[in-house]
Amino acid sequence: MSVRELVVLGTASQVPTRHRNHNGYVLLWDGQGIMFDPGEGTQRQMLRAGVAAHDLHRICVTHFHGDHSLGLAGVIQRLNLDRVPHPVTAHYPASGQRFFDRLRYATAYRETVALAEAPVAADGPLAATASYTLDARKLSHPVESYGYRLTEPDGRRMLPELLAERGIRGPDVGRLQKEGALGGVTLDEVSEVRRGQRFAFVMDTRLCDGVYALAEGCDMLVIESTFLDEDEQLATDHGHLTAGQAARVAVDAGVRHLVLTHFSQRYPDPGVYEQQARAAGFDGELTVARDLMRVPLPKRT
């Protein structure tokens, strides 16, 4: 199976700091690259992280605040400069079409890439490929915002002991998988459901139904935790989450690997985010994101 990992390009909220770039994330999934929320400086962070324009197949923007979208202009122009040979699709809130247009054509350049615009206007499916479906859910923020979720189709896991009992081996295993039955033995008799992997990306939002729908059953949840718990009222007022709130979402949703990001510059010690997430009851894999780190999706259960 191809690599499945999250490349973190930036983790700051509102303004970059000396140690944190504006937002930017790339999910590498079976040879496809999905970029999320390219903030200012994303193109340079791609170079530092070893992510090429040719790696990108989709760009998903949650909303049009600058720390989540100002890097679009540079990324789009880089796609064209590098003459990326495959189509690239951009998803973003339909209400922000004017902002997307301004960023796409911020300066003069020669268009060489087929960039498809696929604005999001409601909850639901956005795209389907052989290895995932992409869905969106509306979030709760002062401007219209959507989170995104990738779901791999369920597959089958072959059970060697049952295959051996029925004398199925070698090339016959592949035939059985392809045809569904072989010599009176059905695929269901010698295999079990292999649950598809699930990934969700949740940025600027208060707690709402969309957050829980996106997080449900995820193998990896990337979620904003702009504020610490002592500033919960401030988080609510500005349409954000705290570390504890994000962790409780992960607990309730059965998330396996929680990635906290989008940190306010007011907190100098990132270790406190982990402390508060653990105090909220999350005991799975936990990553407090840092710029330029790579986080592999959990192994299948």
Protein backbone atom coordinates (compact mmCIF):
# COMPACT_ATOMS: atom_id res chain seq x y z
CA MET A 1 0.00 0.00 0.00
CA SER A 2 1.20 3.49 -0.79
CA VAL A 3 2.19 5.98 1.89
CA ARG A 4 -0.56 7.56 3.93
CA GLU A 5 0.70 10.40 6.08
CA LEU A 6 0.01 13.98 7.07
CA VAL A 7 2.67 16.58 6.26
CA VAL A 8 2.32 19.60 8.53
CA LEU A 9 3.46 22.80 6.84
CA GLY A 10 2.27 25.33 9.42
CA THR A 11 0.49 25.38 12.78
CA ALA A 12 -0.08 29.04 13.71
CA SER A 13 -3.42 30.76 14.11
CA GLN A 14 -4.11 34.32 12.94
CA VAL A 15 -0.47 35.40 12.69
CA PRO A 16 2.76 33.46 12.07
CA THR A 17 5.37 33.40 14.81
CA ARG A 18 9.13 32.86 14.86
CA HIS A 19 8.51 29.13 15.17
CA ARG A 20 5.16 28.59 13.49
CA ASN A 21 4.16 29.31 9.92
CA HIS A 22 0.59 30.06 8.94
CA ASN A 23 -1.60 26.99 8.41
CA GLY A 24 -0.85 24.44 5.73
CA TYR A 25 -1.28 20.67 5.59
CA VAL A 26 -0.87 18.00 2.91
CA LEU A 27 -2.41 14.55 3.26
CA LEU A 28 -0.56 11.99 1.15
CA TRP A 29 -2.95 9.15 0.39
CA ASP A 30 -2.14 6.34 -2.06
CA GLY A 31 -0.23 8.51 -4.51
CA GLN A 32 -2.57 11.50 -4.26
CA GLY A 33 -1.92 14.70 -2.35
CA ILE A 34 -4.72 16.72 -0.76
CA MET A 35 -3.70 20.14 0.50
CA PHE A 36 -5.71 21.77 3.27
CA ASP A 37 -5.83 25.48 4.14
CA PRO A 38 -2.73 26.96 2.50
CA GLY A 39 -1.92 30.04 4.55
CA GLU A 40 0.71 32.64 3.79
CA GLY A 41 4.14 31.11 3.22
CA THR A 42 2.85 27.69 2.21
CA GLN A 43 4.88 27.53 -1.00
CA ARG A 44 8.14 27.97 0.92
CA GLN A 45 7.08 25.45 3.55
CA MET A 46 6.42 22.93 0.78
CA LEU A 47 10.04 23.28 -0.30
CA ARG A 48 11.29 22.79 3.25
CA ALA A 49 9.06 19.75 3.78
CA GLY A 50 9.89 18.09 0.48
CA VAL A 51 6.39 18.41 -0.99
CA ALA A 52 6.34 19.19 -4.72
CA ALA A 53 3.58 20.86 -6.72
CA HIS A 54 3.34 17.62 -8.69
CA ASP A 55 2.25 15.87 -5.46
CA LEU A 56 -0.98 17.88 -5.26
CA HIS A 57 -4.31 16.67 -6.70
CA ARG A 58 -6.79 18.60 -4.53
CA ILE A 59 -6.85 21.80 -2.50
CA CYS A 60 -9.45 22.03 0.27
CA VAL A 61 -10.05 25.41 1.91
CA THR A 62 -12.19 25.45 5.04
CA HIS A 63 -12.88 29.20 4.98
CA PHE A 64 -11.53 32.49 3.72
CA HIS A 65 -9.71 33.97 6.68
CA GLY A 66 -6.18 34.92 5.71
CA ASP A 67 -4.32 32.38 7.82
CA HIS A 68 -6.17 29.62 5.94
CA SER A 69 -6.10 30.94 2.39
CA LEU A 70 -3.55 33.66 1.63
CA GLY A 71 -1.11 31.06 0.33
CA LEU A 72 -3.50 30.01 -2.42
CA ALA A 73 -2.11 32.54 -4.88
CA GLY A 74 1.42 31.22 -4.60
CA VAL A 75 0.42 27.56 -4.63
CA ILE A 76 -1.77 27.97 -7.72
CA GLN A 77 0.93 29.87 -9.57
CA ARG A 78 3.48 27.21 -8.60
CA LEU A 79 1.24 24.49 -10.01
CA ASN A 80 1.23 26.36 -13.31
CA LEU A 81 4.93 27.24 -13.26
CA ASP A 82 5.80 23.57 -12.75
CA ARG A 83 3.29 22.51 -15.42
CA VAL A 84 1.68 19.86 -13.25
CA PRO A 85 0.44 17.30 -15.79
CA HIS A 86 -2.72 16.14 -14.01
CA PRO A 87 -5.92 18.05 -13.17
CA VAL A 88 -6.17 19.69 -9.75
CA THR A 89 -9.50 20.33 -8.03
CA ALA A 90 -10.13 23.15 -5.54
CA HIS A 91 -12.88 22.87 -2.92
CA TYR A 92 -13.89 25.95 -0.89
CA PRO A 93 -17.03 27.59 0.51
CA ALA A 94 -19.19 28.82 -2.36
CA SER A 95 -19.94 32.02 -0.44
CA GLY A 96 -16.25 32.92 -0.77
CA GLN A 97 -16.09 32.68 -4.56
CA ARG A 98 -15.02 36.32 -4.86
CA PHE A 99 -12.07 35.67 -2.54
CA PHE A 100 -11.05 32.57 -4.48
CA ASP A 101 -11.19 34.52 -7.74
CA ARG A 102 -9.00 37.29 -6.33
CA LEU A 103 -6.43 34.82 -5.03
CA ARG A 104 -6.41 32.72 -8.19
CA TYR A 105 -5.77 35.79 -10.33
CA ALA A 106 -3.86 37.93 -7.83
CA THR A 107 -1.09 38.62 -10.38
CA ALA A 108 -0.26 37.89 -14.01
CA TYR A 109 0.95 34.38 -14.91
CA ARG A 110 0.52 31.81 -17.65
CA GLU A 111 -2.09 29.15 -16.91
CA THR A 112 -0.88 25.68 -17.86
CA VAL A 113 -2.84 23.50 -15.41
CA ALA A 114 -6.44 22.32 -15.52
CA LEU A 115 -7.63 23.71 -12.18
CA ALA A 116 -11.24 22.72 -11.57
CA GLU A 117 -13.29 24.86 -9.21
CA ALA A 118 -15.67 22.84 -7.03
CA PRO A 119 -17.25 25.23 -4.50
CA VAL A 120 -19.02 23.74 -1.47
CA ALA A 121 -22.52 24.96 -0.70
CA ALA A 122 -23.95 22.26 1.58
CA ASP A 123 -23.12 19.18 3.62
CA GLY A 124 -22.49 16.03 1.65
CA PRO A 125 -20.24 14.19 -0.79
CA LEU A 126 -17.78 16.14 -2.93
CA ALA A 127 -15.79 13.51 -4.80
CA ALA A 128 -15.18 9.78 -5.08
CA THR A 129 -12.06 7.93 -6.21
CA ALA A 130 -11.04 4.29 -6.07
CA SER A 131 -9.35 4.80 -2.69
CA TYR A 132 -11.54 7.38 -0.92
CA THR A 133 -14.68 9.48 -0.86
CA LEU A 134 -14.47 13.14 0.17
CA ASP A 135 -17.27 14.74 2.17
CA ALA A 136 -17.85 18.16 3.72
CA ARG A 137 -19.73 19.30 6.82
CA LYS A 138 -20.58 22.86 7.79
CA LEU A 139 -18.87 24.23 10.91
CA SER A 140 -19.65 27.14 13.25
CA HIS A 141 -17.43 30.17 12.67
CA PRO A 142 -18.04 33.91 12.06
CA VAL A 143 -17.58 33.29 8.31
CA GLU A 144 -18.88 30.23 6.45
CA SER A 145 -16.59 27.29 7.10
CA TYR A 146 -16.55 23.61 6.15
CA GLY A 147 -14.58 20.67 7.46
CA TYR A 148 -13.54 17.74 5.28
CA ARG A 149 -13.51 13.96 5.72
CA LEU A 150 -11.92 11.17 3.67
CA THR A 151 -13.36 7.67 3.93
CA GLU A 152 -11.76 4.63 2.35
CA PRO A 153 -14.24 1.99 1.11
CA ASP A 154 -14.37 -1.12 3.25
CA GLY A 155 -12.43 -4.08 1.88
CA ARG A 156 -11.87 -7.72 2.76
CA ARG A 157 -9.13 -9.28 4.87
CA MET A 158 -8.26 -12.84 3.85
CA LEU A 159 -7.95 -15.34 6.73
CA PRO A 160 -5.04 -17.75 6.05
CA GLU A 161 -6.26 -20.48 8.39
CA LEU A 162 -9.65 -20.68 6.69
CA LEU A 163 -8.06 -20.61 3.24
CA ALA A 164 -5.82 -23.51 4.26
CA GLU A 165 -8.77 -25.52 5.60
CA ARG A 166 -10.42 -25.28 2.19
CA GLY A 167 -7.25 -25.94 0.22
CA ILE A 168 -7.10 -22.53 -1.42
CA ARG A 169 -3.58 -21.24 -1.98
CA GLY A 170 -1.33 -19.39 -4.42
CA PRO A 171 -3.02 -17.81 -7.49
CA ASP A 172 -6.37 -19.25 -6.43
CA VAL A 173 -6.54 -16.71 -3.59
CA GLY A 174 -6.44 -13.87 -6.11
CA ARG A 175 -9.08 -15.57 -8.27
CA LEU A 176 -11.36 -15.94 -5.27
CA GLN A 177 -10.93 -12.26 -4.38
CA LYS A 178 -11.71 -11.23 -7.94
CA GLU A 179 -14.61 -13.58 -8.65
CA GLY A 180 -16.19 -13.85 -5.20
CA ALA A 181 -16.38 -17.66 -5.25
CA LEU A 182 -14.17 -20.58 -6.24
CA GLY A 183 -14.91 -24.30 -6.20
CA GLY A 184 -17.96 -23.84 -4.01
CA VAL A 185 -16.13 -21.61 -1.52
CA THR A 186 -17.37 -18.02 -1.21
CA LEU A 187 -15.25 -15.01 -0.34
CA ASP A 188 -17.30 -14.42 2.82
CA GLU A 189 -16.39 -17.88 4.13
CA VAL A 190 -12.64 -17.22 4.16
CA SER A 191 -12.39 -13.49 4.86
CA GLU A 192 -13.71 -10.70 7.04
CA VAL A 193 -14.56 -7.06 6.53
CA ARG A 194 -11.51 -4.78 6.63
CA ARG A 195 -12.79 -1.40 7.71
CA GLY A 196 -11.63 1.44 5.50
CA GLN A 197 -9.46 4.15 7.04
CA ARG A 198 -11.02 7.51 7.90
CA PHE A 199 -9.45 10.95 8.15
CA ALA A 200 -11.02 14.27 9.12
CA PHE A 201 -9.81 17.86 8.99
CA VAL A 202 -11.60 20.29 11.31
CA MET A 203 -10.50 23.91 11.50
CA ASP A 204 -11.93 27.11 12.93
CA THR A 205 -15.20 26.27 14.65
CA ARG A 206 -17.15 26.16 17.86
CA LEU A 207 -18.57 22.84 19.00
CA CYS A 208 -21.38 21.87 16.62
CA ASP A 209 -22.97 18.86 14.94
CA GLY A 210 -20.57 19.12 12.01
CA VAL A 211 -17.54 18.63 14.25
CA TYR A 212 -18.89 15.36 15.64
CA ALA A 213 -20.04 14.09 12.23
CA LEU A 214 -16.59 14.66 10.77
CA ALA A 215 -14.75 13.08 13.71
CA GLU A 216 -16.91 9.96 14.10
CA GLY A 217 -14.80 6.81 14.01
CA CYS A 218 -11.74 8.50 12.51
CA ASP A 219 -8.33 6.87 12.41
CA MET A 220 -6.85 10.37 12.38
CA LEU A 221 -8.51 13.63 13.36
CA VAL A 222 -6.68 16.89 12.65
CA ILE A 223 -8.46 19.54 14.68
CA GLU A 224 -7.91 23.09 15.77
CA SER A 225 -7.22 23.77 19.44
CA THR A 226 -6.58 27.49 19.28
CA PHE A 227 -7.12 28.17 22.99
CA LEU A 228 -6.39 26.50 26.30
CA ASP A 229 -9.27 25.50 28.53
CA GLU A 230 -9.01 28.49 30.85
CA ASP A 231 -9.98 30.67 27.88
CA GLU A 232 -13.02 28.62 26.82
CA GLN A 233 -15.33 31.65 26.76
CA LEU A 234 -12.89 33.51 24.52
CA ALA A 235 -12.78 30.49 22.22
CA THR A 236 -16.57 30.39 21.96
CA ASP A 237 -16.81 34.12 21.35
CA HIS A 238 -14.37 33.91 18.44
CA GLY A 239 -15.61 30.63 16.97
CA HIS A 240 -12.82 28.32 18.12
CA LEU A 241 -12.09 25.25 20.26
CA THR A 242 -9.92 24.64 23.29
CA ALA A 243 -7.52 21.73 23.70
CA GLY A 244 -9.89 20.05 26.14
CA GLN A 245 -12.91 20.48 23.87
CA ALA A 246 -11.02 19.01 20.91
CA ALA A 247 -9.92 16.03 23.01
CA ARG A 248 -13.43 15.37 24.32
CA VAL A 249 -14.69 15.33 20.73
CA ALA A 250 -12.04 12.71 19.96
CA VAL A 251 -13.06 10.63 22.98
CA ASP A 252 -16.77 10.75 22.11
CA ALA A 253 -16.07 9.95 18.44
CA GLY A 254 -13.70 7.03 19.07
CA VAL A 255 -10.74 8.67 17.32
CA ARG A 256 -7.53 6.64 17.23
CA HIS A 257 -4.96 9.38 16.55
CA LEU A 258 -5.63 12.99 17.54
CA VAL A 259 -3.58 15.78 15.97
CA LEU A 260 -3.93 19.18 17.68
CA THR A 261 -2.95 22.29 15.74
CA HIS A 262 -3.77 25.98 14.98
CA PHE A 263 -2.29 27.40 18.17
CA SER A 264 -2.69 30.93 19.49
CA GLN A 265 0.53 32.88 19.86
CA ARG A 266 -0.50 33.79 23.42
CA TYR A 267 0.67 30.39 24.76
CA PRO A 268 4.45 29.85 24.77
CA ASP A 269 4.47 26.21 25.94
CA PRO A 270 2.90 23.75 23.46
CA GLY A 271 3.22 20.97 26.02
CA VAL A 272 0.22 22.36 27.89
CA TYR A 273 -2.03 21.39 24.96
CA GLU A 274 -1.10 17.75 25.46
CA GLN A 275 -1.60 18.00 29.21
CA GLN A 276 -5.10 19.40 28.79
CA ALA A 277 -6.01 16.86 26.10
CA ARG A 278 -4.98 14.00 28.39
CA ALA A 279 -6.80 15.58 31.32
CA ALA A 280 -9.93 15.60 29.16
CA GLY A 281 -9.73 11.81 28.91
CA PHE A 282 -8.14 11.12 25.53
CA ASP A 283 -5.83 8.11 25.85
CA GLY A 284 -5.13 7.28 22.18
CA GLU A 285 -2.26 8.41 19.99
CA LEU A 286 -1.79 12.16 20.41
CA THR A 287 0.32 14.60 18.43
CA VAL A 288 0.76 18.28 19.20
CA ALA A 289 1.65 19.38 15.68
CA ARG A 290 4.90 21.13 14.82
CA ASP A 291 5.82 22.76 11.55
CA LEU A 292 7.42 20.40 8.99
CA MET A 293 6.59 17.20 10.87
CA ARG A 294 5.21 14.10 9.16
CA VAL A 295 2.55 12.06 10.93
CA PRO A 296 1.70 8.60 9.52
CA LEU A 297 -1.86 7.37 9.73
CA PRO A 298 -2.29 4.60 12.30
CA LYS A 299 -1.81 1.03 11.16
CA ARG A 300 -4.97 -0.85 10.39
CA THR A 301 -6.58 -2.72 13.25
